Amino acid sequence: MTNAPTQTNTAQVETPQDRGTTWLAGAGLRPTRQRVALAGLLVGDGRDRHVTAESLFEAAGRTGEKVSLATVYNTLRAFCDAGLLREITVDGSKSYFDTNMTDHPHFYWEDDNRLSDAPAEQLEIARVPDAPEGAEIASVDVVIRLRRS
């Protein structure tokens, strides 16, 4: 009888931090501890989400991550600049950050100050105005404001 080594299953489960690191690497961003932690919160479960800097700061705090609100703002800006997030501005002052980078409209729930995806297949835009001379249309954001009836 020989003593052959026992084979064990070494397949590792991908953690939210692993997904965050992969997400950052795809955009060429350096995976600092804070970026990886925030990226893990944003994309770690594989679901799209809409966050504000404040809501992401609170989520980081709940996980025990030590990060300042200023760092959250700066990190979200870096993620937008790298093409990882889209910023959606409501009322000219409230910014939401969307992990879904496809073209799609949004519902803004006024009662909850919450942003959610609206069904893109139901939106029809037949025509947009021509851009003024010397300008080009970079994008069209559609935010449909809702309130409970």
N, C-alpha and C. Protein backbone atom coordinates (compact mmCIF):
# COMPACT_ATOMS: atom_id res chain seq x y z
N MET A 1 0.85 -1.16 0.00
CA MET A 1 0.00 0.00 0.00
C MET A 1 0.90 1.23 0.00
N THR A 2 0.59 2.20 -0.90
CA THR A 2 1.40 3.41 -0.96
C THR A 2 0.66 4.55 -0.29
N ASN A 3 1.42 5.49 0.15
CA ASN A 3 0.83 6.67 0.78
C ASN A 3 0.74 7.80 -0.25
N ALA A 4 -0.24 7.73 -1.10
CA ALA A 4 -0.45 8.77 -2.12
C ALA A 4 -1.05 10.00 -1.45
N PRO A 5 -0.63 11.19 -1.90
CA PRO A 5 -1.20 12.40 -1.31
C PRO A 5 -2.70 12.48 -1.58
N THR A 6 -3.42 12.95 -0.61
CA THR A 6 -4.86 13.10 -0.74
C THR A 6 -5.16 14.38 -1.52
N GLN A 7 -6.03 14.28 -2.50
CA GLN A 7 -6.42 15.45 -3.30
C GLN A 7 -7.55 16.17 -2.56
N THR A 8 -7.41 17.46 -2.45
CA THR A 8 -8.47 18.26 -1.84
C THR A 8 -8.95 19.28 -2.86
N ASN A 9 -10.14 19.72 -2.69
CA ASN A 9 -10.71 20.73 -3.58
C ASN A 9 -10.17 22.09 -3.17
N THR A 10 -9.33 22.67 -4.03
CA THR A 10 -8.72 23.95 -3.69
C THR A 10 -9.37 25.11 -4.45
N ALA A 11 -10.50 24.86 -5.08
CA ALA A 11 -11.18 25.95 -5.78
C ALA A 11 -11.61 26.99 -4.76
N GLN A 12 -11.23 28.22 -5.03
CA GLN A 12 -11.54 29.29 -4.09
C GLN A 12 -12.77 30.05 -4.54
N VAL A 13 -13.52 30.48 -3.59
CA VAL A 13 -14.69 31.29 -3.86
C VAL A 13 -14.24 32.74 -4.01
N GLU A 14 -14.72 33.39 -5.08
CA GLU A 14 -14.34 34.78 -5.30
C GLU A 14 -15.04 35.67 -4.29
N THR A 15 -14.28 36.49 -3.58
CA THR A 15 -14.83 37.39 -2.57
C THR A 15 -15.22 38.71 -3.22
N PRO A 16 -16.02 39.52 -2.52
CA PRO A 16 -16.32 40.86 -3.03
C PRO A 16 -15.05 41.67 -3.30
N GLN A 17 -14.03 41.51 -2.46
CA GLN A 17 -12.78 42.23 -2.66
C GLN A 17 -12.08 41.75 -3.93
N ASP A 18 -12.15 40.43 -4.20
CA ASP A 18 -11.57 39.89 -5.43
C ASP A 18 -12.26 40.51 -6.65
N ARG A 19 -13.58 40.58 -6.61
CA ARG A 19 -14.33 41.17 -7.72
C ARG A 19 -13.98 42.65 -7.86
N GLY A 20 -13.86 43.34 -6.74
CA GLY A 20 -13.49 44.75 -6.77
C GLY A 20 -12.10 44.95 -7.36
N THR A 21 -11.16 44.10 -6.98
CA THR A 21 -9.80 44.19 -7.51
C THR A 21 -9.79 43.96 -9.02
N THR A 22 -10.54 42.97 -9.47
CA THR A 22 -10.63 42.68 -10.90
C THR A 22 -11.26 43.86 -11.65
N TRP A 23 -12.29 44.45 -11.06
CA TRP A 23 -12.98 45.61 -11.65
C TRP A 23 -12.00 46.77 -11.80
N LEU A 24 -11.21 47.03 -10.76
CA LEU A 24 -10.22 48.11 -10.81
C LEU A 24 -9.14 47.82 -11.85
N ALA A 25 -8.67 46.57 -11.89
CA ALA A 25 -7.61 46.20 -12.83
C ALA A 25 -8.07 46.38 -14.27
N GLY A 26 -9.35 46.10 -14.53
CA GLY A 26 -9.88 46.25 -15.88
C GLY A 26 -9.83 47.68 -16.36
N ALA A 27 -9.80 48.63 -15.44
CA ALA A 27 -9.73 50.05 -15.80
C ALA A 27 -8.33 50.61 -15.61
N GLY A 28 -7.40 49.76 -15.19
CA GLY A 28 -6.03 50.21 -14.99
C GLY A 28 -5.82 51.05 -13.74
N LEU A 29 -6.73 50.91 -12.77
CA LEU A 29 -6.58 51.67 -11.52
C LEU A 29 -5.79 50.86 -10.50
N ARG A 30 -4.91 51.55 -9.80
CA ARG A 30 -4.11 50.92 -8.75
C ARG A 30 -5.03 50.46 -7.62
N PRO A 31 -4.91 49.21 -7.20
CA PRO A 31 -5.81 48.68 -6.17
C PRO A 31 -5.36 49.01 -4.75
N THR A 32 -5.55 50.26 -4.32
CA THR A 32 -5.24 50.61 -2.94
C THR A 32 -6.24 49.93 -2.01
N ARG A 33 -5.90 49.86 -0.75
CA ARG A 33 -6.79 49.20 0.23
C ARG A 33 -8.18 49.83 0.21
N GLN A 34 -8.23 51.16 0.20
CA GLN A 34 -9.53 51.84 0.25
C GLN A 34 -10.30 51.66 -1.05
N ARG A 35 -9.61 51.72 -2.19
CA ARG A 35 -10.30 51.50 -3.47
C ARG A 35 -10.88 50.10 -3.55
N VAL A 36 -10.10 49.12 -3.12
CA VAL A 36 -10.57 47.73 -3.15
C VAL A 36 -11.78 47.56 -2.24
N ALA A 37 -11.74 48.16 -1.06
CA ALA A 37 -12.86 48.05 -0.13
C ALA A 37 -14.12 48.69 -0.73
N LEU A 38 -13.99 49.88 -1.30
CA LEU A 38 -15.15 50.56 -1.88
C LEU A 38 -15.62 49.85 -3.14
N ALA A 39 -14.70 49.37 -3.95
CA ALA A 39 -15.07 48.62 -5.15
C ALA A 39 -15.82 47.34 -4.77
N GLY A 40 -15.36 46.68 -3.71
CA GLY A 40 -16.05 45.48 -3.24
C GLY A 40 -17.49 45.77 -2.84
N LEU A 41 -17.71 46.92 -2.21
CA LEU A 41 -19.07 47.31 -1.83
C LEU A 41 -19.91 47.63 -3.07
N LEU A 42 -19.29 48.19 -4.08
CA LEU A 42 -20.03 48.58 -5.29
C LEU A 42 -20.36 47.40 -6.20
N VAL A 43 -19.41 46.51 -6.43
CA VAL A 43 -19.61 45.45 -7.41
C VAL A 43 -19.37 44.04 -6.86
N GLY A 44 -19.09 43.93 -5.58
CA GLY A 44 -18.71 42.66 -4.99
C GLY A 44 -19.74 41.56 -5.08
N ASP A 45 -21.02 41.92 -5.14
CA ASP A 45 -22.05 40.88 -5.23
C ASP A 45 -22.53 40.68 -6.67
N GLY A 46 -21.94 41.42 -7.62
CA GLY A 46 -22.31 41.25 -9.01
C GLY A 46 -23.57 41.97 -9.43
N ARG A 47 -24.20 42.68 -8.52
CA ARG A 47 -25.44 43.41 -8.85
C ARG A 47 -25.13 44.87 -9.13
N ASP A 48 -25.92 45.47 -10.03
CA ASP A 48 -25.78 46.90 -10.27
C ASP A 48 -26.44 47.66 -9.14
N ARG A 49 -25.90 48.85 -8.87
CA ARG A 49 -26.47 49.67 -7.80
C ARG A 49 -26.25 51.13 -8.08
N HIS A 50 -27.03 51.95 -7.38
CA HIS A 50 -26.94 53.40 -7.41
C HIS A 50 -26.61 53.84 -5.99
N VAL A 51 -25.52 54.57 -5.84
CA VAL A 51 -25.12 55.03 -4.51
C VAL A 51 -24.85 56.52 -4.53
N THR A 52 -24.94 57.12 -3.38
CA THR A 52 -24.42 58.46 -3.18
C THR A 52 -23.11 58.30 -2.42
N ALA A 53 -22.32 59.34 -2.39
CA ALA A 53 -21.08 59.27 -1.61
C ALA A 53 -21.41 58.98 -0.14
N GLU A 54 -22.48 59.61 0.34
CA GLU A 54 -22.85 59.42 1.74
C GLU A 54 -23.29 57.99 2.02
N SER A 55 -24.08 57.40 1.12
CA SER A 55 -24.54 56.03 1.36
C SER A 55 -23.38 55.04 1.28
N LEU A 56 -22.41 55.28 0.38
CA LEU A 56 -21.25 54.40 0.30
C LEU A 56 -20.36 54.56 1.53
N PHE A 57 -20.22 55.78 2.02
CA PHE A 57 -19.47 56.05 3.25
C PHE A 57 -20.08 55.29 4.42
N GLU A 58 -21.42 55.34 4.53
CA GLU A 58 -22.11 54.62 5.61
C GLU A 58 -21.93 53.11 5.48
N ALA A 59 -22.03 52.60 4.25
CA ALA A 59 -21.85 51.16 4.04
C ALA A 59 -20.44 50.73 4.41
N ALA A 60 -19.46 51.55 4.07
CA ALA A 60 -18.07 51.24 4.44
C ALA A 60 -17.92 51.20 5.96
N GLY A 61 -18.54 52.15 6.63
CA GLY A 61 -18.48 52.18 8.09
C GLY A 61 -19.09 50.95 8.72
N ARG A 62 -20.19 50.46 8.13
CA ARG A 62 -20.84 49.25 8.66
C ARG A 62 -19.96 48.03 8.53
N THR A 63 -19.04 48.04 7.56
CA THR A 63 -18.14 46.89 7.41
C THR A 63 -16.88 47.04 8.23
N GLY A 64 -16.73 48.20 8.90
CA GLY A 64 -15.55 48.44 9.71
C GLY A 64 -14.41 49.08 8.93
N GLU A 65 -14.66 49.41 7.67
CA GLU A 65 -13.62 50.04 6.85
C GLU A 65 -13.42 51.48 7.29
N LYS A 66 -12.18 51.84 7.56
CA LYS A 66 -11.85 53.20 7.96
C LYS A 66 -11.56 54.02 6.71
N VAL A 67 -12.50 54.88 6.35
CA VAL A 67 -12.34 55.72 5.17
C VAL A 67 -13.09 57.02 5.43
N SER A 68 -12.51 58.13 5.01
CA SER A 68 -13.16 59.42 5.23
C SER A 68 -14.16 59.69 4.11
N LEU A 69 -15.10 60.58 4.37
CA LEU A 69 -16.08 60.95 3.35
C LEU A 69 -15.37 61.60 2.16
N ALA A 70 -14.34 62.39 2.42
CA ALA A 70 -13.58 63.02 1.33
C ALA A 70 -12.93 61.95 0.45
N THR A 71 -12.41 60.90 1.05
CA THR A 71 -11.81 59.81 0.27
C THR A 71 -12.86 59.12 -0.57
N VAL A 72 -14.06 58.93 -0.02
CA VAL A 72 -15.14 58.32 -0.80
C VAL A 72 -15.45 59.19 -2.01
N TYR A 73 -15.60 60.49 -1.82
CA TYR A 73 -15.85 61.40 -2.94
C TYR A 73 -14.74 61.30 -3.98
N ASN A 74 -13.49 61.36 -3.54
CA ASN A 74 -12.36 61.31 -4.47
C ASN A 74 -12.29 59.98 -5.20
N THR A 75 -12.61 58.90 -4.50
CA THR A 75 -12.58 57.58 -5.12
C THR A 75 -13.69 57.44 -6.14
N LEU A 76 -14.88 57.91 -5.82
CA LEU A 76 -15.98 57.86 -6.79
C LEU A 76 -15.63 58.67 -8.04
N ARG A 77 -15.01 59.81 -7.85
CA ARG A 77 -14.58 60.63 -8.99
C ARG A 77 -13.57 59.88 -9.85
N ALA A 78 -12.60 59.22 -9.20
CA ALA A 78 -11.60 58.43 -9.93
C ALA A 78 -12.26 57.29 -10.70
N PHE A 79 -13.25 56.63 -10.07
CA PHE A 79 -13.96 55.55 -10.75
C PHE A 79 -14.72 56.07 -11.97
N CYS A 80 -15.33 57.25 -11.84
CA CYS A 80 -16.03 57.86 -12.99
C CYS A 80 -15.04 58.20 -14.09
N ASP A 81 -13.94 58.82 -13.72
CA ASP A 81 -12.92 59.21 -14.70
C ASP A 81 -12.35 58.00 -15.43
N ALA A 82 -12.31 56.85 -14.76
CA ALA A 82 -11.78 55.63 -15.37
C ALA A 82 -12.84 54.88 -16.17
N GLY A 83 -14.07 55.38 -16.17
CA GLY A 83 -15.14 54.73 -16.93
C GLY A 83 -15.80 53.57 -16.22
N LEU A 84 -15.64 53.48 -14.91
CA LEU A 84 -16.24 52.39 -14.14
C LEU A 84 -17.64 52.73 -13.64
N LEU A 85 -17.91 54.01 -13.44
CA LEU A 85 -19.19 54.47 -12.93
C LEU A 85 -19.70 55.60 -13.79
N ARG A 86 -21.01 55.80 -13.75
CA ARG A 86 -21.64 56.95 -14.39
C ARG A 86 -22.26 57.79 -13.29
N GLU A 87 -22.03 59.09 -13.34
CA GLU A 87 -22.64 60.01 -12.38
C GLU A 87 -23.95 60.51 -12.95
N ILE A 88 -24.99 60.42 -12.14
CA ILE A 88 -26.32 60.91 -12.49
C ILE A 88 -26.63 62.02 -11.50
N THR A 89 -26.86 63.23 -12.01
CA THR A 89 -27.14 64.36 -11.13
C THR A 89 -28.64 64.65 -11.15
N VAL A 90 -29.21 64.78 -9.96
CA VAL A 90 -30.63 65.09 -9.80
C VAL A 90 -30.72 66.44 -9.10
N ASP A 91 -31.57 67.30 -9.60
CA ASP A 91 -31.77 68.64 -9.03
C ASP A 91 -30.52 69.50 -9.07
N GLY A 92 -29.58 69.16 -9.92
CA GLY A 92 -28.39 69.97 -10.07
C GLY A 92 -27.41 69.90 -8.92
N SER A 93 -27.76 69.17 -7.87
CA SER A 93 -26.86 69.14 -6.72
C SER A 93 -26.66 67.74 -6.14
N LYS A 94 -27.62 66.86 -6.27
CA LYS A 94 -27.54 65.52 -5.68
C LYS A 94 -26.99 64.55 -6.72
N SER A 95 -25.84 63.95 -6.44
CA SER A 95 -25.21 63.02 -7.37
C SER A 95 -25.38 61.58 -6.90
N TYR A 96 -25.75 60.75 -7.86
CA TYR A 96 -25.83 59.31 -7.67
C TYR A 96 -24.80 58.69 -8.60
N PHE A 97 -24.24 57.57 -8.20
CA PHE A 97 -23.23 56.89 -9.00
C PHE A 97 -23.76 55.52 -9.34
N ASP A 98 -23.76 55.22 -10.65
CA ASP A 98 -24.39 54.02 -11.18
C ASP A 98 -23.33 53.07 -11.69
N THR A 99 -23.39 51.81 -11.27
CA THR A 99 -22.43 50.80 -11.73
C THR A 99 -22.83 50.22 -13.09
N ASN A 100 -24.06 50.45 -13.52
CA ASN A 100 -24.54 49.96 -14.82
C ASN A 100 -24.14 50.97 -15.89
N MET A 101 -23.18 50.62 -16.71
CA MET A 101 -22.64 51.56 -17.69
C MET A 101 -23.36 51.50 -19.04
N THR A 102 -24.40 50.69 -19.16
CA THR A 102 -25.16 50.68 -20.41
C THR A 102 -26.07 51.91 -20.45
N ASP A 103 -26.46 52.30 -21.68
CA ASP A 103 -27.40 53.41 -21.81
C ASP A 103 -28.77 52.97 -21.31
N HIS A 104 -29.29 53.68 -20.33
CA HIS A 104 -30.61 53.34 -19.80
C HIS A 104 -31.15 54.53 -19.01
N PRO A 105 -32.49 54.63 -18.95
CA PRO A 105 -33.11 55.71 -18.18
C PRO A 105 -33.21 55.35 -16.70
N HIS A 106 -33.57 56.34 -15.91
CA HIS A 106 -33.70 56.15 -14.46
C HIS A 106 -35.03 56.70 -13.96
N PHE A 107 -35.50 56.08 -12.89
CA PHE A 107 -36.59 56.63 -12.08
C PHE A 107 -35.94 57.31 -10.87
N TYR A 108 -36.40 58.50 -10.57
CA TYR A 108 -35.99 59.16 -9.33
C TYR A 108 -37.21 59.22 -8.44
N TRP A 109 -37.16 58.54 -7.32
CA TRP A 109 -38.26 58.45 -6.37
C TRP A 109 -38.14 59.62 -5.40
N GLU A 110 -38.94 60.65 -5.62
CA GLU A 110 -38.83 61.88 -4.82
C GLU A 110 -39.10 61.65 -3.34
N ASP A 111 -40.04 60.75 -3.03
CA ASP A 111 -40.38 60.51 -1.62
C ASP A 111 -39.23 59.88 -0.84
N ASP A 112 -38.40 59.09 -1.54
CA ASP A 112 -37.31 58.36 -0.88
C ASP A 112 -35.93 58.91 -1.23
N ASN A 113 -35.86 59.90 -2.13
CA ASN A 113 -34.57 60.38 -2.65
C ASN A 113 -33.73 59.20 -3.13
N ARG A 114 -34.36 58.37 -3.99
CA ARG A 114 -33.73 57.13 -4.43
C ARG A 114 -33.76 57.07 -5.95
N LEU A 115 -32.72 56.53 -6.54
CA LEU A 115 -32.61 56.35 -7.98
C LEU A 115 -32.66 54.87 -8.30
N SER A 116 -33.41 54.50 -9.33
CA SER A 116 -33.45 53.11 -9.76
C SER A 116 -33.50 53.07 -11.29
N ASP A 117 -33.14 51.94 -11.85
CA ASP A 117 -33.18 51.79 -13.31
C ASP A 117 -34.61 51.73 -13.78
N ALA A 118 -34.87 52.37 -14.92
CA ALA A 118 -36.16 52.27 -15.61
C ALA A 118 -35.95 51.36 -16.81
N PRO A 119 -37.00 50.71 -17.27
CA PRO A 119 -36.84 49.77 -18.39
C PRO A 119 -36.46 50.50 -19.69
N ALA A 120 -35.26 50.25 -20.17
CA ALA A 120 -34.76 50.92 -21.37
C ALA A 120 -35.58 50.56 -22.60
N GLU A 121 -36.09 49.34 -22.63
CA GLU A 121 -36.84 48.91 -23.82
C GLU A 121 -38.17 49.64 -23.97
N GLN A 122 -38.63 50.31 -22.92
CA GLN A 122 -39.88 51.06 -23.00
C GLN A 122 -39.67 52.53 -23.36
N LEU A 123 -38.43 52.97 -23.41
CA LEU A 123 -38.15 54.37 -23.72
C LEU A 123 -37.97 54.55 -25.22
N GLU A 124 -38.66 55.54 -25.76
CA GLU A 124 -38.50 55.89 -27.17
C GLU A 124 -38.23 57.38 -27.26
N ILE A 125 -37.09 57.73 -27.79
CA ILE A 125 -36.77 59.13 -28.05
C ILE A 125 -36.66 59.25 -29.56
N ALA A 126 -37.62 59.93 -30.15
CA ALA A 126 -37.66 60.03 -31.60
C ALA A 126 -36.66 61.05 -32.13
N ARG A 127 -36.40 62.08 -31.35
CA ARG A 127 -35.52 63.13 -31.84
C ARG A 127 -35.04 63.98 -30.68
N VAL A 128 -33.80 64.38 -30.74
CA VAL A 128 -33.26 65.34 -29.78
C VAL A 128 -32.85 66.59 -30.56
N PRO A 129 -32.85 67.73 -29.91
CA PRO A 129 -32.46 68.95 -30.62
C PRO A 129 -31.02 68.87 -31.13
N ASP A 130 -30.75 69.57 -32.23
CA ASP A 130 -29.38 69.65 -32.73
C ASP A 130 -28.54 70.40 -31.71
N ALA A 131 -27.29 69.98 -31.59
CA ALA A 131 -26.36 70.68 -30.72
C ALA A 131 -26.01 72.03 -31.35
N PRO A 132 -25.77 73.03 -30.53
CA PRO A 132 -25.35 74.33 -31.08
C PRO A 132 -24.04 74.19 -31.85
N GLU A 133 -23.79 75.10 -32.73
CA GLU A 133 -22.56 75.07 -33.52
C GLU A 133 -21.35 75.06 -32.60
N GLY A 134 -20.40 74.21 -32.93
CA GLY A 134 -19.19 74.10 -32.14
C GLY A 134 -19.31 73.14 -30.96
N ALA A 135 -20.46 72.45 -30.86
CA ALA A 135 -20.67 71.51 -29.76
C ALA A 135 -21.20 70.20 -30.34
N GLU A 136 -21.03 69.15 -29.57
CA GLU A 136 -21.60 67.86 -29.93
C GLU A 136 -22.28 67.25 -28.71
N ILE A 137 -23.30 66.46 -28.94
CA ILE A 137 -24.01 65.80 -27.84
C ILE A 137 -23.14 64.66 -27.32
N ALA A 138 -22.77 64.73 -26.05
CA ALA A 138 -21.95 63.70 -25.43
C ALA A 138 -22.81 62.54 -24.94
N SER A 139 -23.97 62.86 -24.38
CA SER A 139 -24.90 61.84 -23.91
C SER A 139 -26.24 62.50 -23.62
N VAL A 140 -27.25 61.66 -23.48
CA VAL A 140 -28.58 62.11 -23.10
C VAL A 140 -28.96 61.32 -21.86
N ASP A 141 -29.18 62.01 -20.76
CA ASP A 141 -29.60 61.34 -19.53
C ASP A 141 -31.09 61.54 -19.36
N VAL A 142 -31.80 60.46 -19.10
CA VAL A 142 -33.24 60.52 -18.88
C VAL A 142 -33.50 60.12 -17.43
N VAL A 143 -34.04 61.07 -16.67
CA VAL A 143 -34.43 60.81 -15.29
C VAL A 143 -35.91 61.13 -15.18
N ILE A 144 -36.70 60.13 -14.87
CA ILE A 144 -38.14 60.27 -14.73
C ILE A 144 -38.45 60.39 -13.25
N ARG A 145 -38.98 61.53 -12.87
CA ARG A 145 -39.27 61.81 -11.45
C ARG A 145 -40.62 61.19 -11.08
N LEU A 146 -40.63 60.48 -9.96
CA LEU A 146 -41.85 59.82 -9.47
C LEU A 146 -42.14 60.25 -8.06
N ARG A 147 -43.43 60.29 -7.75
CA ARG A 147 -43.85 60.43 -6.35
C ARG A 147 -45.03 59.48 -6.15
N ARG A 148 -45.15 58.99 -4.96
CA ARG A 148 -46.23 58.03 -4.66
C ARG A 148 -47.58 58.76 -4.70
N SER A 149 -48.56 58.08 -5.27
CA SER A 149 -49.90 58.69 -5.36
C SER A 149 -50.80 58.23 -4.23
